[in-house]
């Protein structure tokens, strides 16, 4: 049924002073950038943490992506909290949780305590991510996937700044605790700024999609397309976080690079992620099946080359960039868009929370599985299985999506 805006009510893109809204959105994007950078702390400092805590490679591999377990288990609860309280409250709580957890990393005494702190970090990230996806798709409802792309651009910026800044802080300070302290303190400061400056008329807009025709899309999460996107998202989580979690370790242990040099390679993943807005535009313009399947096939090819030991530094940077483009910019953004388009426009928060839960639920296995494959079969076979094979399966599975059932 067509729904129009109530008298005197404007579309969300124009409610409230537009410049003020964009300024608040900019602050939240900075926060999301910090979150994206923060998640690289454990993987970038993995060799130091492994030595300090006496961990095995599979244990360290599990820890590098275990924040995704926290993100996965907190995704649906985050959506429920947003519905009961507010996006702003959940967002601030999220920033405080992952920032405090980051500070607590320096107090870890072994695998168990580090595990708890990293899961806590993930819960905070889940609250922030779910709030940001819901807010963006609601306030900018006329261009939902492109809006999600803008948010994911900040993931790219964080993926660029994070490895570079962590590597340099580690090199200049001479210890692995200092980067943790710097990131944790910055997060707490930003949480206070958000509490003082972000206004409810922006963060809690309730008129999303009412000025547009609300047709198509399922009325419940139990529908064909959402089930397909849950599986695709879980597979993507295993693929990309297997790469992100242990690729820095590959470069240190196999290629014998310094931490600053590792950051120099990983920042190219961040550069590729900066194209997320255009990845979102692809999803708004072209069929979901074509966009996701073609990008998954590129990821399949990359899995063969990523862990070869005798390539040039330029080639490793190029491949990291390509993973950022086709993985983070295109696949990630359009999986988020697919979850949201599978449901009616009024169910944006549910779509966002299911995306977060499924992608990071799968990601929680990424580092552990990659570590086990490496331990038993070596780096090259691990890349072929976890990246190439799973990407091929994704390219096939996306053919079962039914675009005609998307919301309009």
Protein backbone atom coordinates (compact mmCIF):
# COMPACT_ATOMS: atom_id res chain seq x y z
CA UNK A 1 0.00 0.00 0.00
CA UNK A 2 1.27 3.43 -0.89
CA UNK A 3 2.15 5.60 2.09
CA UNK A 4 2.72 9.33 1.85
CA UNK A 5 4.28 11.71 4.30
CA UNK A 6 2.00 13.25 6.91
CA UNK A 7 0.99 16.90 6.50
CA UNK A 8 3.85 19.24 7.25
CA UNK A 9 6.29 16.35 7.32
CA UNK A 10 9.26 16.34 4.94
CA UNK A 11 11.23 13.45 3.48
CA UNK A 12 14.07 12.38 5.79
CA UNK A 13 16.79 13.80 3.55
CA UNK A 14 15.35 17.28 4.20
CA UNK A 15 14.07 17.10 7.79
CA UNK A 16 16.01 19.43 10.06
CA UNK A 17 18.70 21.86 8.89
CA UNK A 18 20.52 19.96 6.14
CA UNK A 19 23.99 21.35 6.90
CA UNK A 20 23.64 20.49 10.58
CA UNK A 21 22.48 16.99 9.66
CA UNK A 22 25.45 16.46 7.38
CA UNK A 23 27.80 17.71 10.12
CA UNK A 24 26.35 15.20 12.58
CA UNK A 25 26.54 12.46 9.97
CA UNK A 26 30.17 13.43 9.40
CA UNK A 27 30.93 13.00 13.11
CA UNK A 28 29.33 9.56 13.07
CA UNK A 29 31.33 8.64 9.98
CA UNK A 30 34.53 9.61 11.82
CA UNK A 31 33.42 7.31 14.64
CA UNK A 32 32.85 4.47 12.19
CA UNK A 33 36.31 5.11 10.75
CA UNK A 34 37.82 4.75 14.23
CA UNK A 35 35.95 1.47 14.69
CA UNK A 36 37.30 0.16 11.38
CA UNK A 37 40.85 1.13 12.36
CA UNK A 38 40.47 -0.29 15.87
CA UNK A 39 39.71 -3.77 14.57
CA UNK A 40 43.23 -4.00 13.09
CA UNK A 41 44.96 -3.71 16.45
CA UNK A 42 45.00 -7.41 17.26
CA UNK A 43 45.94 -8.62 13.77
CA UNK A 44 48.64 -5.97 13.25
CA UNK A 45 50.14 -6.65 16.67
CA UNK A 46 49.50 -10.39 16.50
CA UNK A 47 53.17 -11.42 16.57
CA UNK A 48 53.79 -9.32 19.71
CA UNK A 49 50.62 -10.51 21.45
CA UNK A 50 51.34 -14.11 20.57
CA UNK A 51 54.80 -13.85 22.11
CA UNK A 52 53.69 -11.92 25.20
CA UNK A 53 50.82 -14.28 26.04
CA UNK A 54 52.46 -17.51 24.88
CA UNK A 55 49.82 -18.39 22.27
CA UNK A 56 49.87 -20.93 19.46
CA UNK A 57 49.23 -19.89 15.83
CA UNK A 58 45.69 -21.34 15.78
CA UNK A 59 44.94 -19.52 19.06
CA UNK A 60 46.27 -16.25 17.69
CA UNK A 61 44.38 -16.81 14.46
CA UNK A 62 41.17 -17.26 16.44
CA UNK A 63 41.78 -14.07 18.45
CA UNK A 64 42.46 -11.95 15.37
CA UNK A 65 38.87 -12.36 14.22
CA UNK A 66 37.11 -13.18 17.49
CA UNK A 67 35.75 -9.63 17.72
CA UNK A 68 33.42 -10.77 14.94
CA UNK A 69 31.83 -13.27 17.36
CA UNK A 70 30.85 -10.33 19.53
CA UNK A 71 29.54 -8.47 16.48
CA UNK A 72 27.57 -11.52 15.36
CA UNK A 73 25.88 -12.34 18.66
CA UNK A 74 25.01 -8.68 19.35
CA UNK A 75 23.54 -7.84 15.92
CA UNK A 76 19.92 -8.84 16.57
CA UNK A 77 19.96 -7.59 20.19
CA UNK A 78 21.25 -4.26 18.87
CA UNK A 79 18.22 -4.00 16.59
CA UNK A 80 15.92 -4.74 19.53
CA UNK A 81 17.65 -2.13 21.70
CA UNK A 82 17.29 0.47 18.94
CA UNK A 83 13.57 -0.26 18.75
CA UNK A 84 13.19 0.03 22.54
CA UNK A 85 15.48 2.98 23.23
CA UNK A 86 17.19 4.99 20.47
CA UNK A 87 19.87 4.72 17.80
CA UNK A 88 21.91 7.40 19.56
CA UNK A 89 21.90 5.58 22.90
CA UNK A 90 22.88 2.26 21.33
CA UNK A 91 25.56 3.95 19.20
CA UNK A 92 27.17 5.69 22.19
CA UNK A 93 27.05 2.48 24.22
CA UNK A 94 28.76 0.71 21.35
CA UNK A 95 31.60 3.24 21.13
CA UNK A 96 32.18 3.07 24.89
CA UNK A 97 32.20 -0.73 24.91
CA UNK A 98 34.75 -1.20 22.13
CA UNK A 99 36.94 1.63 23.45
CA UNK A 100 37.04 0.29 27.01
CA UNK A 101 37.71 -3.21 25.66
CA UNK A 102 40.62 -1.81 23.65
CA UNK A 103 42.12 -0.36 26.85
CA UNK A 104 41.62 -3.70 28.60
CA UNK A 105 43.65 -5.52 25.93
CA UNK A 106 46.76 -4.29 27.71
CA UNK A 107 45.67 -6.11 30.89
CA UNK A 108 45.17 -9.52 29.29
CA UNK A 109 47.11 -12.38 30.90
CA UNK A 110 46.38 -15.21 28.49
CA UNK A 111 44.05 -16.57 25.82
CA UNK A 112 40.93 -16.60 28.00
CA UNK A 113 41.11 -13.00 29.18
CA UNK A 114 42.05 -11.72 25.72
CA UNK A 115 39.14 -13.71 24.29
CA UNK A 116 36.67 -12.01 26.67
CA UNK A 117 38.00 -8.51 25.92
CA UNK A 118 37.93 -9.06 22.15
CA UNK A 119 34.34 -10.36 22.23
CA UNK A 120 33.42 -7.27 24.30
CA UNK A 121 35.06 -5.14 21.62
CA UNK A 122 32.94 -6.88 19.00
CA UNK A 123 29.70 -6.30 20.90
CA UNK A 124 30.46 -2.58 20.95
CA UNK A 125 31.26 -2.59 17.25
CA UNK A 126 27.99 -4.40 16.55
CA UNK A 127 25.97 -1.75 18.38
CA UNK A 128 27.72 0.99 16.42
CA UNK A 129 27.48 -0.74 13.02
CA UNK A 130 23.81 -1.67 13.37
CA UNK A 131 22.92 1.88 14.42
CA UNK A 132 24.87 3.37 11.51
CA UNK A 133 23.34 1.05 8.89
CA UNK A 134 19.84 1.67 10.20
CA UNK A 135 20.30 5.45 10.40
CA UNK A 136 21.87 5.73 6.94
CA UNK A 137 19.28 3.60 5.16
CA UNK A 138 16.46 5.50 6.91
CA UNK A 139 17.63 9.10 6.62
CA UNK A 140 18.84 8.63 3.02
CA UNK A 141 16.07 6.21 2.09
CA UNK A 142 15.85 7.19 -1.58
CA UNK A 143 19.36 5.79 -2.21
CA UNK A 144 19.72 3.05 0.37
CA UNK A 145 22.62 1.03 -1.04
CA UNK A 146 24.61 4.14 -1.99
CA UNK A 147 24.11 5.48 1.56
CA UNK A 148 25.44 2.21 2.95
CA UNK A 149 28.32 2.60 0.52
CA UNK A 150 29.20 5.96 2.07
CA UNK A 151 29.34 4.33 5.50
CA UNK A 152 31.52 1.57 4.10
CA UNK A 153 33.87 4.17 2.59
CA UNK A 154 34.74 4.97 6.19
CA UNK A 155 35.54 1.32 6.70
CA UNK A 156 37.99 1.80 3.84
CA UNK A 157 39.47 4.93 5.40
CA UNK A 158 39.84 3.11 8.72
CA UNK A 159 41.39 0.14 6.92
CA UNK A 160 43.90 2.55 5.39
CA UNK A 161 44.65 4.62 8.48
CA UNK A 162 44.52 1.71 10.94
CA UNK A 163 47.41 -0.49 9.76
CA UNK A 164 49.53 2.56 8.93
CA UNK A 165 49.01 4.28 12.29
CA UNK A 166 49.26 1.10 14.35
CA UNK A 167 52.49 0.09 12.62
CA UNK A 168 54.03 3.51 13.14
CA UNK A 169 52.92 3.90 16.77
CA UNK A 170 54.28 0.41 17.47
CA UNK A 171 57.60 1.25 15.80
CA UNK A 172 58.02 4.60 17.56
CA UNK A 173 56.91 3.45 21.03
CA UNK A 174 58.71 0.11 20.99
CA UNK A 175 55.83 -1.77 22.61
CA UNK A 176 52.43 -3.16 21.58
CA UNK A 177 50.41 -1.63 24.42
CA UNK A 178 50.73 2.02 23.35
CA UNK A 179 48.58 1.72 20.17
CA UNK A 180 45.85 0.10 22.32
CA UNK A 181 45.88 2.99 24.79
CA UNK A 182 45.82 5.65 22.08
CA UNK A 183 42.84 4.12 20.27
CA UNK A 184 40.89 3.47 23.47
CA UNK A 185 41.22 7.02 24.78
CA UNK A 186 40.26 8.56 21.42
CA UNK A 187 37.10 6.41 21.35
CA UNK A 188 35.96 7.54 24.80
CA UNK A 189 36.46 11.19 23.84
CA UNK A 190 34.41 10.74 20.65
CA UNK A 191 31.58 9.07 22.62
CA UNK A 192 31.33 12.15 24.82
CA UNK A 193 31.27 14.46 21.78
CA UNK A 194 28.45 12.43 20.19
CA UNK A 195 26.42 12.58 23.41
CA UNK A 196 26.73 16.37 23.43
CA UNK A 197 26.21 17.17 19.75
CA UNK A 198 24.06 14.60 17.88
CA UNK A 199 20.36 15.54 17.93
CA UNK A 200 17.42 13.09 18.04
CA UNK A 201 15.65 14.65 15.03
CA UNK A 202 18.55 13.36 12.97
CA UNK A 203 19.44 10.05 14.63
CA UNK A 204 15.87 8.93 15.35
CA UNK A 205 14.09 9.87 12.12
CA UNK A 206 10.92 7.79 11.95
CA UNK A 207 9.64 8.84 8.54
CA UNK A 208 12.01 6.68 6.51
CA UNK A 209 10.39 5.53 3.28
CA UNK A 210 6.98 7.03 4.06
CA UNK A 211 7.39 9.54 1.25
CA UNK A 212 8.10 6.63 -1.10
CA UNK A 213 5.82 3.81 -2.15
CA UNK A 214 6.26 0.99 0.34
CA UNK A 215 5.80 -2.05 -1.90
CA UNK A 216 7.56 -5.37 -2.20
CA UNK A 217 9.87 -7.01 0.27
CA UNK A 218 9.05 -9.56 2.94
CA UNK A 219 7.30 -8.74 6.19
CA UNK A 220 9.41 -11.16 8.22
CA UNK A 221 13.02 -12.35 8.34
CA UNK A 222 11.80 -15.85 7.43
CA UNK A 223 11.83 -15.40 3.66
CA UNK A 224 13.71 -16.91 0.71
CA UNK A 225 15.99 -13.96 -0.09
CA UNK A 226 16.98 -13.24 3.50
CA UNK A 227 17.94 -16.89 4.01
CA UNK A 228 20.13 -16.79 0.88
CA UNK A 229 21.76 -13.53 2.01
CA UNK A 230 22.39 -14.93 5.50
CA UNK A 231 24.39 -17.82 3.98
CA UNK A 232 26.19 -15.52 1.52
CA UNK A 233 27.07 -13.10 4.31
CA UNK A 234 28.38 -15.86 6.57
CA UNK A 235 30.56 -17.18 3.73
CA UNK A 236 31.88 -13.68 3.03
CA UNK A 237 32.68 -13.26 6.72
CA UNK A 238 34.75 -16.46 6.72
CA UNK A 239 36.55 -15.39 3.52
CA UNK A 240 37.42 -11.79 4.24
CA UNK A 241 38.26 -12.16 7.92
CA UNK A 242 40.40 -15.19 7.25
CA UNK A 243 42.37 -12.83 5.01
CA UNK A 244 42.37 -9.82 7.33
CA UNK A 245 43.08 -11.83 10.45
CA UNK A 246 46.26 -13.61 9.37
CA UNK A 247 47.59 -11.83 6.28
CA UNK A 248 49.75 -9.56 8.49
CA UNK A 249 51.14 -12.72 10.13
CA UNK A 250 51.92 -14.16 6.68
CA UNK A 251 53.89 -11.04 5.82
CA UNK A 252 55.83 -11.07 9.11
CA UNK A 253 56.49 -14.80 9.37
CA UNK A 254 56.87 -15.77 5.69
CA UNK A 255 57.95 -12.55 3.97
CA UNK A 256 59.95 -11.29 7.01
CA UNK A 257 58.55 -7.76 6.80
CA UNK A 258 58.69 -5.17 9.58
CA UNK A 259 55.42 -3.97 11.16
CA UNK A 260 55.61 -0.63 9.36
CA UNK A 261 56.04 -2.43 6.03
CA UNK A 262 53.08 -4.69 6.79
CA UNK A 263 51.01 -1.57 7.42
CA UNK A 264 52.22 -0.27 4.08
CA UNK A 265 50.72 -3.30 2.34
CA UNK A 266 47.47 -3.55 4.33
CA UNK A 267 46.62 0.10 3.76
CA UNK A 268 46.04 -0.79 0.11
CA UNK A 269 43.15 -2.94 1.24
CA UNK A 270 41.83 0.24 2.83
CA UNK A 271 42.35 2.17 -0.39
CA UNK A 272 40.27 -0.40 -2.26
CA UNK A 273 37.55 -0.11 0.37
CA UNK A 274 37.28 3.62 -0.33
CA UNK A 275 35.37 2.76 -3.50
CA UNK A 276 32.44 1.44 -1.46
CA UNK A 277 30.18 4.32 -2.52
CA UNK A 278 30.62 3.31 -6.14
CA UNK A 279 30.10 -0.32 -5.14
CA UNK A 280 26.77 0.77 -3.69
CA UNK A 281 25.89 2.66 -6.86
CA UNK A 282 26.53 -0.55 -8.81
CA UNK A 283 24.00 -2.28 -6.59
CA UNK A 284 21.43 0.46 -7.17
CA UNK A 285 21.90 0.36 -10.95
CA UNK A 286 22.70 -3.25 -11.94
CA UNK A 287 21.21 -6.66 -11.00
CA UNK A 288 22.35 -8.00 -7.65
CA UNK A 289 23.17 -11.41 -9.13
CA UNK A 290 25.62 -9.95 -11.65
CA UNK A 291 27.31 -7.59 -9.20
CA UNK A 292 27.84 -10.20 -6.48
CA UNK A 293 28.70 -13.19 -8.67
CA UNK A 294 31.26 -11.37 -10.81
CA UNK A 295 32.98 -9.89 -7.75
CA UNK A 296 33.03 -13.29 -6.03
CA UNK A 297 34.74 -14.81 -9.07
CA UNK A 298 37.45 -12.15 -8.90
CA UNK A 299 37.95 -13.03 -5.22
CA UNK A 300 38.27 -16.68 -6.25
CA UNK A 301 41.18 -15.80 -8.55
CA UNK A 302 42.86 -13.64 -5.92
CA UNK A 303 42.83 -16.53 -3.45
CA UNK A 304 45.29 -18.39 -5.68
CA UNK A 305 47.90 -15.60 -5.69
CA UNK A 306 47.62 -14.01 -2.24
CA UNK A 307 49.84 -16.45 -0.38
CA UNK A 308 52.53 -17.12 -2.97
CA UNK A 309 55.86 -16.30 -1.23
CA UNK A 310 58.04 -14.99 -4.07
CA UNK A 311 56.05 -12.09 -5.52
CA UNK A 312 57.10 -8.44 -5.58
CA UNK A 313 55.96 -5.96 -2.94
CA UNK A 314 54.06 -4.14 -5.65
CA UNK A 315 52.07 -7.30 -6.40
CA UNK A 316 51.15 -7.85 -2.73
CA UNK A 317 49.95 -4.25 -2.53
CA UNK A 318 47.97 -4.65 -5.75
CA UNK A 319 46.28 -7.81 -4.49
CA UNK A 320 45.41 -6.21 -1.15
CA UNK A 321 43.89 -3.33 -3.12
CA UNK A 322 41.85 -5.72 -5.27
CA UNK A 323 40.52 -7.53 -2.19
CA UNK A 324 39.47 -4.11 -0.89
CA UNK A 325 37.71 -3.22 -4.15
CA UNK A 326 35.89 -6.46 -4.91
CA UNK A 327 35.50 -7.70 -1.33
CA UNK A 328 34.94 -4.72 0.96
CA UNK A 329 33.63 -2.18 -1.59
CA UNK A 330 31.38 -4.33 -3.77
CA UNK A 331 30.50 -7.62 -2.07
CA UNK A 332 30.17 -6.25 1.50
CA UNK A 333 28.14 -3.20 0.49
CA UNK A 334 25.76 -5.14 -1.74
CA UNK A 335 25.26 -7.89 0.80
CA UNK A 336 24.15 -5.19 3.23
CA UNK A 337 21.88 -3.75 0.55
CA UNK A 338 20.52 -7.21 -0.24
CA UNK A 339 19.47 -7.80 3.37
CA UNK A 340 17.70 -4.45 3.50
CA UNK A 341 16.02 -4.79 0.08
CA UNK A 342 14.78 -8.28 1.00
CA UNK A 343 12.46 -6.69 3.57
CA UNK A 344 9.86 -3.94 3.43
CA UNK A 345 11.29 -0.43 3.75
CA UNK A 346 9.79 -0.08 7.21
CA UNK A 347 11.91 -3.01 8.44
CA UNK A 348 15.31 -1.41 7.80
CA UNK A 349 16.58 -2.00 11.35
CA UNK A 350 15.78 -5.71 11.15
CA UNK A 351 17.57 -6.01 7.82
CA UNK A 352 20.60 -4.18 9.18
CA UNK A 353 20.80 -6.30 12.33
CA UNK A 354 20.45 -9.56 10.40
CA UNK A 355 23.25 -8.49 8.05
CA UNK A 356 25.55 -7.70 10.97
CA UNK A 357 24.70 -10.96 12.75
CA UNK A 358 25.19 -13.20 9.72
CA UNK A 359 28.33 -11.66 8.28
CA UNK A 360 30.16 -11.45 11.58
CA UNK A 361 28.83 -14.75 12.84
CA UNK A 362 30.64 -16.33 9.90
CA UNK A 363 33.63 -14.07 10.39
CA UNK A 364 34.11 -15.41 13.92
CA UNK A 365 35.25 -18.67 12.32
CA UNK A 366 37.48 -16.98 9.75
CA UNK A 367 40.68 -16.59 11.72
CA UNK A 368 40.43 -19.93 13.51
CA UNK A 369 39.68 -21.87 10.32
CA UNK A 370 42.49 -20.10 8.46
CA UNK A 371 44.89 -20.84 11.32
CA UNK A 372 43.97 -24.53 11.30
CA UNK A 373 44.32 -24.79 7.51
CA UNK A 374 47.71 -23.08 7.64
CA UNK A 375 48.88 -25.28 10.51
CA UNK A 376 47.91 -28.47 8.68
CA UNK A 377 48.39 -27.67 4.99
CA UNK A 378 50.36 -24.44 4.65
CA UNK A 379 49.54 -20.92 3.48
CA UNK A 380 48.89 -21.60 -0.21
CA UNK A 381 46.39 -24.43 0.32
CA UNK A 382 44.66 -22.40 3.02
CA UNK A 383 44.15 -19.55 0.56
CA UNK A 384 42.78 -21.87 -2.10
CA UNK A 385 40.29 -23.47 0.28
CA UNK A 386 39.13 -20.54 2.38
CA UNK A 387 39.19 -17.79 -0.22
CA UNK A 388 38.99 -19.38 -3.67
CA UNK A 389 36.64 -22.29 -2.99
CA UNK A 390 34.24 -20.36 -0.75
CA UNK A 391 34.13 -17.48 -3.24
CA UNK A 392 33.18 -19.91 -6.00
CA UNK A 393 30.41 -21.34 -3.84
CA UNK A 394 29.15 -17.78 -3.21
CA UNK A 395 29.10 -17.00 -6.93
CA UNK A 396 26.90 -20.04 -7.50
CA UNK A 397 24.62 -19.49 -4.49
CA UNK A 398 23.75 -15.90 -5.42
CA UNK A 399 22.02 -17.22 -8.54
CA UNK A 400 19.20 -18.41 -6.28
CA UNK A 401 18.31 -14.84 -5.18
CA UNK A 402 14.87 -13.64 -6.35
CA UNK A 403 15.22 -9.92 -7.23
CA UNK A 404 11.53 -9.68 -8.07
CA UNK A 405 10.74 -10.05 -4.38
CA UNK A 406 12.88 -7.07 -3.31
CA UNK A 407 11.22 -3.98 -1.84
CA UNK A 408 10.79 -1.20 -4.35
